[in-house]
Amino acid sequence: MSFSMILGYVFFAVLIAALAAGGVYAWPTWLRLYARTPKALRRGSSRLTIPALACCAVAAALLLALLTAAAHRHPGPFQLDAAASAMAAWLQLKPFPAVFAAITHMANGSTLLAVAVVGVLLIAALARQVVLWPFMMTVLGSQITTWLLKYWVARPRPDLSEVAPLLMVVSPSFPSAHAAGSVSVYGFLGLLALWELSSARVRVMAGYWLLVFLALIGASRVYVGVHFATDVLGGWLTGVVWLCLGAAAQVYARRKREGREDGPPEEQIVECE
């Protein structure tokens, strides 16, 4: 075993230890930060929830516009992309290629479609708390935006001759549809689940591991060599824009529905003799 391979395994060991520590030992820090957030805002019932989500959507959209303009002007990889791809090639150590291949398959089109269908069924089962159209808006908006940007930027894919010679990829590289789709589908369903959880500890831990899962899906696209790092970043930003818009629509629809189901206050009901 070469010294380079030893360093690679050390890197993965440190990474896994850091992720575990973030979820186990650092959770009191996340919990303290979470406790400082107003309870109504945490559960999506605050009047500030929709403005906060709208601000996040605008910020992500601005970053996405800047990154898209840069990628359109310079379709080739940036220095960050070259460095990330070189690191991914260095870290091709068993059994991690198979692990990251399994992770990346969790954001394939067929997998996301199956998850979305299950999500629709769950939303239908929880019809008193949530409605369907914000989820559909998030997923479809994210995919439409992704594919429009792909063919407008028209960035070539990385060279697949070494990492996946039999893989036929015909779509442009920027942004990553896997990254955008995972954020919009898993992110929206995860956000609904987080809003329904009553335990602060469970909510913080679930939110942390959801972010780790989404990050690993994006990183897997660079690791398996089918995307550049900025492709993944563009996909994440696309997903975040539509996730924030969909979450804001969900909060609005839920308030409107709850207000309609509650009916007029008792003091406004006048009996006719």
C-alpha atoms as a PDB file:
ATOM      1  CA  MET A   1       0.000   0.000   0.000  1.00  0.00           C
ATOM      2  CA  SER A   2       1.451   3.354  -1.071  1.00  0.00           C
ATOM      3  CA  PHE A   3       1.730   6.425   1.109  1.00  0.00           C
ATOM      4  CA  SER A   4      -0.866   8.175  -1.078  1.00  0.00           C
ATOM      5  CA  MET A   5      -3.380   5.388  -0.450  1.00  0.00           C
ATOM      6  CA  ILE A   6      -2.740   5.562   3.295  1.00  0.00           C
ATOM      7  CA  LEU A   7      -3.427   9.307   3.225  1.00  0.00           C
ATOM      8  CA  GLY A   8      -6.640   8.631   1.316  1.00  0.00           C
ATOM      9  CA  TYR A   9      -7.916   6.174   3.905  1.00  0.00           C
ATOM     10  CA  VAL A  10      -6.941   8.601   6.665  1.00  0.00           C
ATOM     11  CA  PHE A  11      -8.963  11.299   4.898  1.00  0.00           C
ATOM     12  CA  PHE A  12     -12.054   9.090   4.789  1.00  0.00           C
ATOM     13  CA  ALA A  13     -11.573   8.091   8.422  1.00  0.00           C
ATOM     14  CA  VAL A  14     -11.382  11.734   9.495  1.00  0.00           C
ATOM     15  CA  LEU A  15     -14.419  12.599   7.356  1.00  0.00           C
ATOM     16  CA  ILE A  16     -16.550   9.806   8.811  1.00  0.00           C
ATOM     17  CA  ALA A  17     -15.436  10.703  12.350  1.00  0.00           C
ATOM     18  CA  ALA A  18     -16.274  14.370  11.755  1.00  0.00           C
ATOM     19  CA  LEU A  19     -19.763  13.542  10.463  1.00  0.00           C
ATOM     20  CA  ALA A  20     -20.412  11.233  13.411  1.00  0.00           C
ATOM     21  CA  ALA A  21     -19.114  13.833  15.867  1.00  0.00           C
ATOM     22  CA  GLY A  22     -21.311  16.476  14.293  1.00  0.00           C
ATOM     23  CA  GLY A  23     -24.357  14.305  14.826  1.00  0.00           C
ATOM     24  CA  VAL A  24     -23.526  12.902  18.250  1.00  0.00           C
ATOM     25  CA  TYR A  25     -21.174  15.158  20.169  1.00  0.00           C
ATOM     26  CA  ALA A  26     -22.028  18.501  18.640  1.00  0.00           C
ATOM     27  CA  TRP A  27     -25.794  18.100  18.876  1.00  0.00           C
ATOM     28  CA  PRO A  28     -26.023  20.205  22.093  1.00  0.00           C
ATOM     29  CA  THR A  29     -24.664  23.126  20.053  1.00  0.00           C
ATOM     30  CA  TRP A  30     -27.270  22.591  17.340  1.00  0.00           C
ATOM     31  CA  LEU A  31     -29.901  22.267  20.062  1.00  0.00           C
ATOM     32  CA  ARG A  32     -28.889  25.557  21.697  1.00  0.00           C
ATOM     33  CA  LEU A  33     -29.020  27.338  18.365  1.00  0.00           C
ATOM     34  CA  TYR A  34     -32.369  25.721  17.680  1.00  0.00           C
ATOM     35  CA  ALA A  35     -33.702  26.770  21.104  1.00  0.00           C
ATOM     36  CA  ARG A  36     -32.925  30.418  20.323  1.00  0.00           C
ATOM     37  CA  THR A  37     -35.183  30.288  17.287  1.00  0.00           C
ATOM     38  CA  PRO A  38     -38.792  31.291  18.075  1.00  0.00           C
ATOM     39  CA  LYS A  39     -40.999  28.235  18.437  1.00  0.00           C
ATOM     40  CA  ALA A  40     -43.556  29.496  15.929  1.00  0.00           C
ATOM     41  CA  LEU A  41     -40.827  30.038  13.323  1.00  0.00           C
ATOM     42  CA  ARG A  42     -39.439  26.538  13.915  1.00  0.00           C
ATOM     43  CA  ARG A  43     -42.820  24.939  13.302  1.00  0.00           C
ATOM     44  CA  GLY A  44     -43.601  27.104  10.276  1.00  0.00           C
ATOM     45  CA  SER A  45     -46.480  28.944  11.978  1.00  0.00           C
ATOM     46  CA  SER A  46     -44.826  32.314  12.540  1.00  0.00           C
ATOM     47  CA  ARG A  47     -45.765  35.351  10.473  1.00  0.00           C
ATOM     48  CA  LEU A  48     -42.048  35.643   9.700  1.00  0.00           C
ATOM     49  CA  THR A  49     -41.860  32.176   8.146  1.00  0.00           C
ATOM     50  CA  ILE A  50     -42.961  33.174   4.644  1.00  0.00           C
ATOM     51  CA  PRO A  51     -40.787  36.359   4.501  1.00  0.00           C
ATOM     52  CA  ALA A  52     -37.786  34.377   5.807  1.00  0.00           C
ATOM     53  CA  LEU A  53     -38.269  31.657   3.177  1.00  0.00           C
ATOM     54  CA  ALA A  54     -38.744  34.294   0.474  1.00  0.00           C
ATOM     55  CA  CYS A  55     -35.477  35.995   1.473  1.00  0.00           C
ATOM     56  CA  CYS A  56     -33.648  32.647   1.332  1.00  0.00           C
ATOM     57  CA  ALA A  57     -35.137  31.959  -2.117  1.00  0.00           C
ATOM     58  CA  VAL A  58     -34.032  35.378  -3.414  1.00  0.00           C
ATOM     59  CA  ALA A  59     -30.515  34.966  -1.999  1.00  0.00           C
ATOM     60  CA  ALA A  60     -30.157  31.486  -3.545  1.00  0.00           C
ATOM     61  CA  ALA A  61     -31.546  32.755  -6.863  1.00  0.00           C
ATOM     62  CA  LEU A  62     -29.003  35.593  -6.967  1.00  0.00           C
ATOM     63  CA  LEU A  63     -26.133  33.196  -6.269  1.00  0.00           C
ATOM     64  CA  LEU A  64     -27.474  30.816  -8.905  1.00  0.00           C
ATOM     65  CA  ALA A  65     -27.713  33.651 -11.451  1.00  0.00           C
ATOM     66  CA  LEU A  66     -24.100  34.673 -10.805  1.00  0.00           C
ATOM     67  CA  LEU A  67     -22.846  31.094 -11.044  1.00  0.00           C
ATOM     68  CA  THR A  68     -24.901  30.441 -14.186  1.00  0.00           C
ATOM     69  CA  ALA A  69     -23.584  33.588 -15.866  1.00  0.00           C
ATOM     70  CA  ALA A  70     -20.009  32.578 -15.046  1.00  0.00           C
ATOM     71  CA  ALA A  71     -20.559  29.036 -16.355  1.00  0.00           C
ATOM     72  CA  HIS A  72     -22.191  30.363 -19.532  1.00  0.00           C
ATOM     73  CA  ARG A  73     -19.280  32.713 -20.190  1.00  0.00           C
ATOM     74  CA  HIS A  74     -16.690  30.042 -19.343  1.00  0.00           C
ATOM     75  CA  PRO A  75     -18.226  26.624 -20.148  1.00  0.00           C
ATOM     76  CA  GLY A  76     -15.100  24.716 -19.146  1.00  0.00           C
ATOM     77  CA  PRO A  77     -14.217  23.699 -15.599  1.00  0.00           C
ATOM     78  CA  PHE A  78     -13.048  26.292 -13.104  1.00  0.00           C
ATOM     79  CA  GLN A  79      -9.997  25.879 -10.889  1.00  0.00           C
ATOM     80  CA  LEU A  80     -12.271  24.680  -8.076  1.00  0.00           C
ATOM     81  CA  ASP A  81     -13.676  22.029 -10.411  1.00  0.00           C
ATOM     82  CA  ALA A  82     -10.235  20.814 -11.426  1.00  0.00           C
ATOM     83  CA  ALA A  83      -9.101  20.602  -7.801  1.00  0.00           C
ATOM     84  CA  ALA A  84     -12.243  18.734  -6.712  1.00  0.00           C
ATOM     85  CA  SER A  85     -11.996  16.292  -9.629  1.00  0.00           C
ATOM     86  CA  ALA A  86      -8.330  15.667  -8.876  1.00  0.00           C
ATOM     87  CA  MET A  87      -9.153  14.934  -5.234  1.00  0.00           C
ATOM     88  CA  ALA A  88     -11.961  12.587  -6.287  1.00  0.00           C
ATOM     89  CA  ALA A  89      -9.545  10.701  -8.548  1.00  0.00           C
ATOM     90  CA  TRP A  90      -7.047  10.457  -5.679  1.00  0.00           C
ATOM     91  CA  LEU A  91      -9.716   9.051  -3.352  1.00  0.00           C
ATOM     92  CA  GLN A  92     -10.766   6.165  -5.613  1.00  0.00           C
ATOM     93  CA  LEU A  93     -10.092   3.602  -2.904  1.00  0.00           C
ATOM     94  CA  LYS A  94     -12.034   0.401  -2.218  1.00  0.00           C
ATOM     95  CA  PRO A  95     -14.815   0.101  -1.085  1.00  0.00           C
ATOM     96  CA  PHE A  96     -15.744   3.785  -1.504  1.00  0.00           C
ATOM     97  CA  PRO A  97     -16.477   3.776  -5.278  1.00  0.00           C
ATOM     98  CA  ALA A  98     -19.235   1.223  -4.696  1.00  0.00           C
ATOM     99  CA  VAL A  99     -20.532   3.178  -1.685  1.00  0.00           C
ATOM    100  CA  PHE A 100     -20.719   6.474  -3.568  1.00  0.00           C
ATOM    101  CA  ALA A 101     -22.241   4.743  -6.599  1.00  0.00           C
ATOM    102  CA  ALA A 102     -25.041   3.465  -4.346  1.00  0.00           C
ATOM    103  CA  ILE A 103     -25.491   6.958  -2.879  1.00  0.00           C
ATOM    104  CA  THR A 104     -25.689   8.609  -6.291  1.00  0.00           C
ATOM    105  CA  HIS A 105     -28.320   6.077  -7.432  1.00  0.00           C
ATOM    106  CA  MET A 106     -30.583   7.347  -4.639  1.00  0.00           C
ATOM    107  CA  ALA A 107     -31.068  10.536  -6.691  1.00  0.00           C
ATOM    108  CA  ASN A 108     -31.627   8.898 -10.082  1.00  0.00           C
ATOM    109  CA  GLY A 109     -34.730   9.953 -11.961  1.00  0.00           C
ATOM    110  CA  SER A 110     -36.511   6.650 -11.313  1.00  0.00           C
ATOM    111  CA  THR A 111     -35.650   6.710  -7.613  1.00  0.00           C
ATOM    112  CA  LEU A 112     -36.778  10.303  -7.161  1.00  0.00           C
ATOM    113  CA  LEU A 113     -39.989   9.542  -9.054  1.00  0.00           C
ATOM    114  CA  ALA A 114     -40.731   6.633  -6.719  1.00  0.00           C
ATOM    115  CA  VAL A 115     -39.977   8.761  -3.657  1.00  0.00           C
ATOM    116  CA  ALA A 116     -42.163  11.559  -5.037  1.00  0.00           C
ATOM    117  CA  VAL A 117     -45.074   9.150  -5.576  1.00  0.00           C
ATOM    118  CA  VAL A 118     -44.724   7.871  -2.011  1.00  0.00           C
ATOM    119  CA  GLY A 119     -44.549  11.493  -0.874  1.00  0.00           C
ATOM    120  CA  VAL A 120     -47.765  12.315  -2.722  1.00  0.00           C
ATOM    121  CA  LEU A 121     -49.494   9.390  -1.015  1.00  0.00           C
ATOM    122  CA  LEU A 122     -48.234  10.531   2.376  1.00  0.00           C
ATOM    123  CA  ILE A 123     -49.389  14.080   1.678  1.00  0.00           C
ATOM    124  CA  ALA A 124     -52.805  12.746   0.699  1.00  0.00           C
ATOM    125  CA  ALA A 125     -52.943  10.771   3.959  1.00  0.00           C
ATOM    126  CA  LEU A 126     -52.083  13.928   5.938  1.00  0.00           C
ATOM    127  CA  ALA A 127     -54.522  16.126   4.046  1.00  0.00           C
ATOM    128  CA  ARG A 128     -55.575  18.034   7.171  1.00  0.00           C
ATOM    129  CA  GLN A 129     -52.053  19.322   7.742  1.00  0.00           C
ATOM    130  CA  VAL A 130     -50.573  19.654   4.265  1.00  0.00           C
ATOM    131  CA  VAL A 131     -51.694  20.082   0.671  1.00  0.00           C
ATOM    132  CA  LEU A 132     -50.363  18.628  -2.558  1.00  0.00           C
ATOM    133  CA  TRP A 133     -49.686  21.487  -4.949  1.00  0.00           C
ATOM    134  CA  PRO A 134     -46.689  23.077  -3.127  1.00  0.00           C
ATOM    135  CA  PHE A 135     -44.804  19.769  -3.341  1.00  0.00           C
ATOM    136  CA  MET A 136     -45.588  19.378  -7.028  1.00  0.00           C
ATOM    137  CA  MET A 137     -44.591  22.995  -7.646  1.00  0.00           C
ATOM    138  CA  THR A 138     -41.259  22.412  -5.907  1.00  0.00           C
ATOM    139  CA  VAL A 139     -40.388  19.241  -7.814  1.00  0.00           C
ATOM    140  CA  LEU A 140     -41.550  20.378 -11.255  1.00  0.00           C
ATOM    141  CA  GLY A 141     -40.130  23.874 -10.873  1.00  0.00           C
ATOM    142  CA  SER A 142     -36.763  22.499  -9.866  1.00  0.00           C
ATOM    143  CA  GLN A 143     -36.617  20.065 -12.790  1.00  0.00           C
ATOM    144  CA  ILE A 144     -37.807  22.568 -15.395  1.00  0.00           C
ATOM    145  CA  THR A 145     -35.297  25.166 -14.212  1.00  0.00           C
ATOM    146  CA  THR A 146     -32.497  22.608 -14.166  1.00  0.00           C
ATOM    147  CA  TRP A 147     -33.052  21.418 -17.731  1.00  0.00           C
ATOM    148  CA  LEU A 148     -33.536  24.925 -19.104  1.00  0.00           C
ATOM    149  CA  LEU A 149     -30.223  25.964 -17.551  1.00  0.00           C
ATOM    150  CA  LYS A 150     -28.513  22.796 -18.781  1.00  0.00           C
ATOM    151  CA  TYR A 151     -29.195  23.530 -22.437  1.00  0.00           C
ATOM    152  CA  TRP A 152     -28.652  27.280 -22.099  1.00  0.00           C
ATOM    153  CA  VAL A 153     -25.232  26.935 -20.479  1.00  0.00           C
ATOM    154  CA  ALA A 154     -24.360  23.796 -22.501  1.00  0.00           C
ATOM    155  CA  ARG A 155     -21.328  22.884 -20.409  1.00  0.00           C
ATOM    156  CA  PRO A 156     -19.605  19.665 -21.546  1.00  0.00           C
ATOM    157  CA  ARG A 157     -19.404  16.769 -19.113  1.00  0.00           C
ATOM    158  CA  PRO A 158     -16.112  15.640 -17.582  1.00  0.00           C
ATOM    159  CA  ASP A 159     -14.175  13.027 -19.517  1.00  0.00           C
ATOM    160  CA  LEU A 160     -15.947   9.748 -18.773  1.00  0.00           C
ATOM    161  CA  SER A 161     -13.531   7.518 -20.691  1.00  0.00           C
ATOM    162  CA  GLU A 162     -11.625   6.542 -17.542  1.00  0.00           C
ATOM    163  CA  VAL A 163     -14.223   6.607 -14.758  1.00  0.00           C
ATOM    164  CA  ALA A 164     -17.204   5.220 -16.678  1.00  0.00           C
ATOM    165  CA  PRO A 165     -16.359   4.212 -20.264  1.00  0.00           C
ATOM    166  CA  LEU A 166     -19.689   2.418 -20.759  1.00  0.00           C
ATOM    167  CA  LEU A 167     -21.836   5.217 -19.293  1.00  0.00           C
ATOM    168  CA  MET A 168     -23.832   7.054 -21.950  1.00  0.00           C
ATOM    169  CA  VAL A 169     -24.483  10.601 -20.700  1.00  0.00           C
ATOM    170  CA  VAL A 170     -25.855  12.929 -23.334  1.00  0.00           C
ATOM    171  CA  SER A 171     -27.195  15.818 -21.261  1.00  0.00           C
ATOM    172  CA  PRO A 172     -25.065  18.898 -20.516  1.00  0.00           C
ATOM    173  CA  SER A 173     -23.279  19.114 -17.196  1.00  0.00           C
ATOM    174  CA  PHE A 174     -24.465  22.335 -15.492  1.00  0.00           C
ATOM    175  CA  PRO A 175     -26.396  22.205 -13.198  1.00  0.00           C
ATOM    176  CA  SER A 176     -26.599  18.741 -11.686  1.00  0.00           C
ATOM    177  CA  ALA A 177     -30.125  17.328 -11.939  1.00  0.00           C
ATOM    178  CA  HIS A 178     -29.299  14.813  -9.193  1.00  0.00           C
ATOM    179  CA  ALA A 179     -28.355  17.587  -6.764  1.00  0.00           C
ATOM    180  CA  ALA A 180     -31.379  19.732  -7.634  1.00  0.00           C
ATOM    181  CA  GLY A 181     -33.803  16.809  -7.545  1.00  0.00           C
ATOM    182  CA  SER A 182     -32.541  15.480  -4.225  1.00  0.00           C
ATOM    183  CA  VAL A 183     -32.931  18.884  -2.550  1.00  0.00           C
ATOM    184  CA  SER A 184     -36.422  19.441  -3.951  1.00  0.00           C
ATOM    185  CA  VAL A 185     -37.796  15.934  -3.265  1.00  0.00           C
ATOM    186  CA  TYR A 186     -35.978  14.769  -0.135  1.00  0.00           C
ATOM    187  CA  GLY A 187     -35.702  18.318   1.187  1.00  0.00           C
ATOM    188  CA  PHE A 188     -39.429  19.076   0.921  1.00  0.00           C
ATOM    189  CA  LEU A 189     -40.545  15.776   2.415  1.00  0.00           C
ATOM    190  CA  GLY A 190     -37.907  16.108   5.133  1.00  0.00           C
ATOM    191  CA  LEU A 191     -39.079  19.621   5.959  1.00  0.00           C
ATOM    192  CA  LEU A 192     -42.665  18.420   6.311  1.00  0.00           C
ATOM    193  CA  ALA A 193     -41.480  15.646   8.634  1.00  0.00           C
ATOM    194  CA  LEU A 194     -39.409  18.075  10.711  1.00  0.00           C
ATOM    195  CA  TRP A 195     -42.415  20.343  11.173  1.00  0.00           C
ATOM    196  CA  GLU A 196     -44.447  17.400  12.483  1.00  0.00           C
ATOM    197  CA  LEU A 197     -41.851  16.151  14.976  1.00  0.00           C
ATOM    198  CA  SER A 198     -42.515  17.205  18.560  1.00  0.00           C
ATOM    199  CA  SER A 199     -39.114  16.443  20.118  1.00  0.00           C
ATOM    200  CA  ALA A 200     -36.521  19.186  19.678  1.00  0.00           C
ATOM    201  CA  ARG A 201     -33.676  16.660  20.005  1.00  0.00           C
ATOM    202  CA  VAL A 202     -35.105  14.406  17.294  1.00  0.00           C
ATOM    203  CA  ARG A 203     -35.848  17.370  15.026  1.00  0.00           C
ATOM    204  CA  VAL A 204     -32.303  18.714  15.286  1.00  0.00           C
ATOM    205  CA  MET A 205     -30.707  15.319  14.717  1.00  0.00           C
ATOM    206  CA  ALA A 206     -33.017  14.508  11.798  1.00  0.00           C
ATOM    207  CA  GLY A 207     -32.303  17.879  10.198  1.00  0.00           C
ATOM    208  CA  TYR A 208     -28.559  17.381  10.577  1.00  0.00           C
ATOM    209  CA  TRP A 209     -28.538  13.946   8.951  1.00  0.00           C
ATOM    210  CA  LEU A 210     -30.857  15.140   6.191  1.00  0.00           C
ATOM    211  CA  LEU A 211     -28.282  17.824   5.304  1.00  0.00           C
ATOM    212  CA  VAL A 212     -25.485  15.234   5.432  1.00  0.00           C
ATOM    213  CA  PHE A 213     -27.474  12.954   3.122  1.00  0.00           C
ATOM    214  CA  LEU A 214     -28.073  15.726   0.588  1.00  0.00           C
ATOM    215  CA  ALA A 215     -24.408  16.738   0.752  1.00  0.00           C
ATOM    216  CA  LEU A 216     -23.295  13.152   0.111  1.00  0.00           C
ATOM    217  CA  ILE A 217     -25.554  12.867  -2.928  1.00  0.00           C
ATOM    218  CA  GLY A 218     -24.004  15.993  -4.407  1.00  0.00           C
ATOM    219  CA  ALA A 219     -20.470  14.903  -3.535  1.00  0.00           C
ATOM    220  CA  SER A 220     -21.094  11.498  -5.098  1.00  0.00           C
ATOM    221  CA  ARG A 221     -21.643  13.125  -8.496  1.00  0.00           C
ATOM    222  CA  VAL A 222     -18.136  14.568  -8.388  1.00  0.00           C
ATOM    223  CA  TYR A 223     -16.664  11.407  -6.892  1.00  0.00           C
ATOM    224  CA  VAL A 224     -17.991   9.120  -9.636  1.00  0.00           C
ATOM    225  CA  GLY A 225     -16.697  11.622 -12.202  1.00  0.00           C
ATOM    226  CA  VAL A 226     -19.893  12.627 -14.032  1.00  0.00           C
ATOM    227  CA  HIS A 227     -20.091  16.233 -12.803  1.00  0.00           C
ATOM    228  CA  PHE A 228     -17.896  19.145 -11.837  1.00  0.00           C
ATOM    229  CA  ALA A 229     -18.121  20.650  -8.349  1.00  0.00           C
ATOM    230  CA  THR A 230     -19.794  23.843  -9.605  1.00  0.00           C
ATOM    231  CA  ASP A 231     -22.405  21.701 -11.400  1.00  0.00           C
ATOM    232  CA  VAL A 232     -23.368  20.286  -8.028  1.00  0.00           C
ATOM    233  CA  LEU A 233     -23.339  23.743  -6.437  1.00  0.00           C
ATOM    234  CA  GLY A 234     -25.643  25.003  -9.183  1.00  0.00           C
ATOM    235  CA  GLY A 235     -27.959  22.041  -8.617  1.00  0.00           C
ATOM    236  CA  TRP A 236     -28.067  22.665  -4.884  1.00  0.00           C
ATOM    237  CA  LEU A 237     -28.901  26.345  -5.433  1.00  0.00           C
ATOM    238  CA  THR A 238     -31.631  25.455  -7.918  1.00  0.00           C
ATOM    239  CA  GLY A 239     -33.137  23.019  -5.449  1.00  0.00           C
ATOM    240  CA  VAL A 240     -32.908  25.503  -2.576  1.00  0.00           C
ATOM    241  CA  VAL A 241     -34.701  28.218  -4.574  1.00  0.00           C
ATOM    242  CA  TRP A 242     -37.655  25.970  -5.297  1.00  0.00           C
ATOM    243  CA  LEU A 243     -37.595  24.334  -1.867  1.00  0.00           C
ATOM    244  CA  CYS A 244     -37.931  27.733  -0.195  1.00  0.00           C
ATOM    245  CA  LEU A 245     -40.698  28.781  -2.597  1.00  0.00           C
ATOM    246  CA  GLY A 246     -42.509  25.485  -2.109  1.00  0.00           C
ATOM    247  CA  ALA A 247     -42.166  25.647   1.671  1.00  0.00           C
ATOM    248  CA  ALA A 248     -43.537  29.200   1.668  1.00  0.00           C
ATOM    249  CA  ALA A 249     -46.454  28.056  -0.497  1.00  0.00           C
ATOM    250  CA  GLN A 250     -47.031  25.147   1.886  1.00  0.00           C
ATOM    251  CA  VAL A 251     -47.176  27.474   4.894  1.00  0.00           C
ATOM    252  CA  TYR A 252     -49.573  29.808   3.079  1.00  0.00           C
ATOM    253  CA  ALA A 253     -51.829  26.962   1.908  1.00  0.00           C
ATOM    254  CA  ARG A 254     -51.858  25.399   5.366  1.00  0.00           C
ATOM    255  CA  ARG A 255     -52.849  28.683   7.034  1.00  0.00           C
ATOM    256  CA  LYS A 256     -55.571  29.299   4.475  1.00  0.00           C
ATOM    257  CA  ARG A 257     -56.909  25.779   4.882  1.00  0.00           C
ATOM    258  CA  GLU A 258     -56.831  25.885   8.682  1.00  0.00           C
ATOM    259  CA  GLY A 259     -58.599  29.238   8.660  1.00  0.00           C
ATOM    260  CA  ARG A 260     -61.316  27.887   6.383  1.00  0.00           C
ATOM    261  CA  GLU A 261     -61.770  24.729   8.483  1.00  0.00           C
ATOM    262  CA  ASP A 262     -61.885  26.649  11.747  1.00  0.00           C
ATOM    263  CA  GLY A 263     -64.793  28.730  10.509  1.00  0.00           C
ATOM    264  CA  PRO A 264     -65.883  32.066  11.993  1.00  0.00           C
ATOM    265  CA  PRO A 265     -65.267  32.756  15.692  1.00  0.00           C
ATOM    266  CA  GLU A 266     -68.089  31.942  18.075  1.00  0.00           C
ATOM    267  CA  GLU A 267     -68.728  35.588  18.875  1.00  0.00           C
ATOM    268  CA  GLN A 268     -69.497  36.199  15.195  1.00  0.00           C
ATOM    269  CA  ILE A 269     -72.155  33.459  15.023  1.00  0.00           C
ATOM    270  CA  VAL A 270     -75.596  34.955  15.488  1.00  0.00           C
ATOM    271  CA  GLU A 271     -78.569  32.656  15.918  1.00  0.00           C
ATOM    272  CA  CYS A 272     -81.769  33.656  14.129  1.00  0.00           C
ATOM    273  CA  GLU A 273     -84.955  33.333  16.133  1.00  0.00           C
END
